[in-house]
C-alpha atoms as a PDB file:
ATOM      1  CA  MET A   1      19.180  24.305   0.605  1.00  0.00           C
ATOM      2  CA  PRO A   2      17.547  26.285  -1.508  1.00  0.00           C
ATOM      3  CA  ASN A   3      18.068  29.975  -1.070  1.00  0.00           C
ATOM      4  CA  ILE A   4      14.542  30.927  -3.066  1.00  0.00           C
ATOM      5  CA  LYS A   5      11.496  31.192  -1.278  1.00  0.00           C
ATOM      6  CA  SER A   6       8.984  29.249  -2.879  1.00  0.00           C
ATOM      7  CA  ALA A   7      12.007  26.279  -3.644  1.00  0.00           C
ATOM      8  CA  ILE A   8      12.138  26.047   0.434  1.00  0.00           C
ATOM      9  CA  LYS A   9       8.644  25.665   0.239  1.00  0.00           C
ATOM     10  CA  ARG A  10       8.723  22.630  -2.174  1.00  0.00           C
ATOM     11  CA  VAL A  11      11.050  21.361  -0.138  1.00  0.00           C
ATOM     12  CA  LYS A  12       9.141  20.970   2.572  1.00  0.00           C
ATOM     13  CA  VAL A  13       5.951  20.271   0.929  1.00  0.00           C
ATOM     14  CA  ALA A  14       7.833  16.990  -0.400  1.00  0.00           C
ATOM     15  CA  GLU A  15       9.148  15.948   2.640  1.00  0.00           C
ATOM     16  CA  LYS A  16       5.901  15.956   4.407  1.00  0.00           C
ATOM     17  CA  ALA A  17       4.596  14.269   1.057  1.00  0.00           C
ATOM     18  CA  ASN A  18       7.935  11.524   1.072  1.00  0.00           C
ATOM     19  CA  ALA A  19       6.651  10.832   5.088  1.00  0.00           C
ATOM     20  CA  ALA A  20       3.102  10.067   4.318  1.00  0.00           C
ATOM     21  CA  ASN A  21       3.327   8.509   0.912  1.00  0.00           C
ATOM     22  CA  ALA A  22       6.593   5.803   2.675  1.00  0.00           C
ATOM     23  CA  GLN A  23       3.212   5.587   5.436  1.00  0.00           C
ATOM     24  CA  ALA A  24       0.865   4.344   3.768  1.00  0.00           C
ATOM     25  CA  LYS A  25       2.883   2.069   1.253  1.00  0.00           C
ATOM     26  CA  SER A  26       3.962   0.023   4.535  1.00  0.00           C
ATOM     27  CA  ALA A  27       0.395   0.003   5.668  1.00  0.00           C
ATOM     28  CA  MET A  28      -0.618  -1.102   2.680  1.00  0.00           C
ATOM     29  CA  ARG A  29       2.793  -3.903   2.836  1.00  0.00           C
ATOM     30  CA  THR A  30       1.743  -4.842   5.557  1.00  0.00           C
ATOM     31  CA  THR A  31      -2.098  -5.745   5.506  1.00  0.00           C
ATOM     32  CA  VAL A  32      -0.794  -7.259   2.157  1.00  0.00           C
ATOM     33  CA  LYS A  33       1.649  -9.891   4.214  1.00  0.00           C
ATOM     34  CA  LYS A  34      -0.840 -10.399   6.994  1.00  0.00           C
ATOM     35  CA  ALA A  35      -3.011 -11.864   4.500  1.00  0.00           C
ATOM     36  CA  GLU A  36      -0.449 -13.920   2.890  1.00  0.00           C
ATOM     37  CA  GLN A  37       0.798 -15.350   6.388  1.00  0.00           C
ATOM     38  CA  ALA A  38      -3.396 -16.335   7.308  1.00  0.00           C
ATOM     39  CA  LEU A  39      -3.627 -17.638   4.290  1.00  0.00           C
ATOM     40  CA  ALA A  40      -0.279 -20.203   4.810  1.00  0.00           C
ATOM     41  CA  ASN A  41      -1.662 -21.112   7.854  1.00  0.00           C
ATOM     42  CA  ASN A  42      -5.130 -21.457   7.453  1.00  0.00           C
ATOM     43  CA  ALA A  43      -6.295 -18.882   9.771  1.00  0.00           C
ATOM     44  CA  ASP A  44     -10.591 -18.595  10.559  1.00  0.00           C
ATOM     45  CA  ASN A  45      -9.539 -14.689   9.371  1.00  0.00           C
ATOM     46  CA  ALA A  46      -7.750 -15.182   6.303  1.00  0.00           C
ATOM     47  CA  ASN A  47     -10.995 -13.738   3.646  1.00  0.00           C
ATOM     48  CA  GLU A  48     -11.008 -10.783   5.904  1.00  0.00           C
ATOM     49  CA  LEU A  49      -7.373 -10.244   5.458  1.00  0.00           C
ATOM     50  CA  VAL A  50      -7.264 -10.342   2.181  1.00  0.00           C
ATOM     51  CA  LEU A  51     -10.867  -8.068   1.694  1.00  0.00           C
ATOM     52  CA  ALA A  52      -8.636  -5.699   3.949  1.00  0.00           C
ATOM     53  CA  ALA A  53      -5.405  -6.321   1.620  1.00  0.00           C
ATOM     54  CA  SER A  54      -7.725  -5.759  -1.435  1.00  0.00           C
ATOM     55  CA  LYS A  55      -8.732  -2.631   0.054  1.00  0.00           C
ATOM     56  CA  ALA A  56      -5.673  -1.283   1.078  1.00  0.00           C
ATOM     57  CA  LEU A  57      -4.210  -2.546  -2.256  1.00  0.00           C
ATOM     58  CA  ASP A  58      -6.742  -0.234  -4.305  1.00  0.00           C
ATOM     59  CA  SER A  59      -6.347   2.603  -2.000  1.00  0.00           C
ATOM     60  CA  ALA A  60      -2.254   2.543  -2.741  1.00  0.00           C
ATOM     61  CA  ALA A  61      -3.270   2.872  -6.719  1.00  0.00           C
ATOM     62  CA  SER A  62      -5.139   5.388  -6.673  1.00  0.00           C
ATOM     63  CA  LYS A  63      -3.192   7.328  -4.653  1.00  0.00           C
ATOM     64  CA  GLY A  64      -0.472   6.728  -6.994  1.00  0.00           C
ATOM     65  CA  LEU A  65       1.986   4.732  -5.217  1.00  0.00           C
ATOM     66  CA  ILE A  66       1.759   1.967  -6.511  1.00  0.00           C
ATOM     67  CA  HIS A  67       0.813   0.914 -10.559  1.00  0.00           C
ATOM     68  CA  LYS A  68      -2.716  -0.114 -10.684  1.00  0.00           C
ATOM     69  CA  ASN A  69      -1.641  -3.101 -13.183  1.00  0.00           C
ATOM     70  CA  ALA A  70       0.510  -3.792 -10.261  1.00  0.00           C
ATOM     71  CA  ALA A  71      -2.212  -2.740  -7.358  1.00  0.00           C
ATOM     72  CA  ALA A  72      -4.620  -5.572  -9.431  1.00  0.00           C
ATOM     73  CA  ARG A  73      -1.484  -8.326  -9.914  1.00  0.00           C
ATOM     74  CA  LYS A  74      -1.162  -8.357  -6.295  1.00  0.00           C
ATOM     75  CA  LYS A  75      -4.924  -8.580  -5.788  1.00  0.00           C
ATOM     76  CA  SER A  76      -5.327 -11.378  -8.213  1.00  0.00           C
ATOM     77  CA  ARG A  77      -2.500 -13.545  -6.381  1.00  0.00           C
ATOM     78  CA  LEU A  78      -3.945 -13.205  -3.324  1.00  0.00           C
ATOM     79  CA  ALA A  79      -7.637 -14.572  -4.575  1.00  0.00           C
ATOM     80  CA  LYS A  80      -5.689 -17.147  -6.602  1.00  0.00           C
ATOM     81  CA  LYS A  81      -4.218 -18.370  -2.565  1.00  0.00           C
ATOM     82  CA  ALA A  82      -7.449 -17.880  -0.504  1.00  0.00           C
ATOM     83  CA  ASN A  83      -9.020 -19.458  -3.337  1.00  0.00           C
END
């Protein structure tokens, strides 16, 4: 543990940010997974889930959780499966 006050604060802030990022990234993965499963099972709400996954990917990319090209690639693959 650091001794300097500002370094102690940075550790606390980093831990909070890490937890928030992990939660957001996990939620994004879950929405993508649900969309892929719905497409595989030809569910009637598959298009809605694909839209939700696309939105989650865009949000994660804007927050810097994943690279924007990775988000675009995953969205493209989902759209290809949907069509």
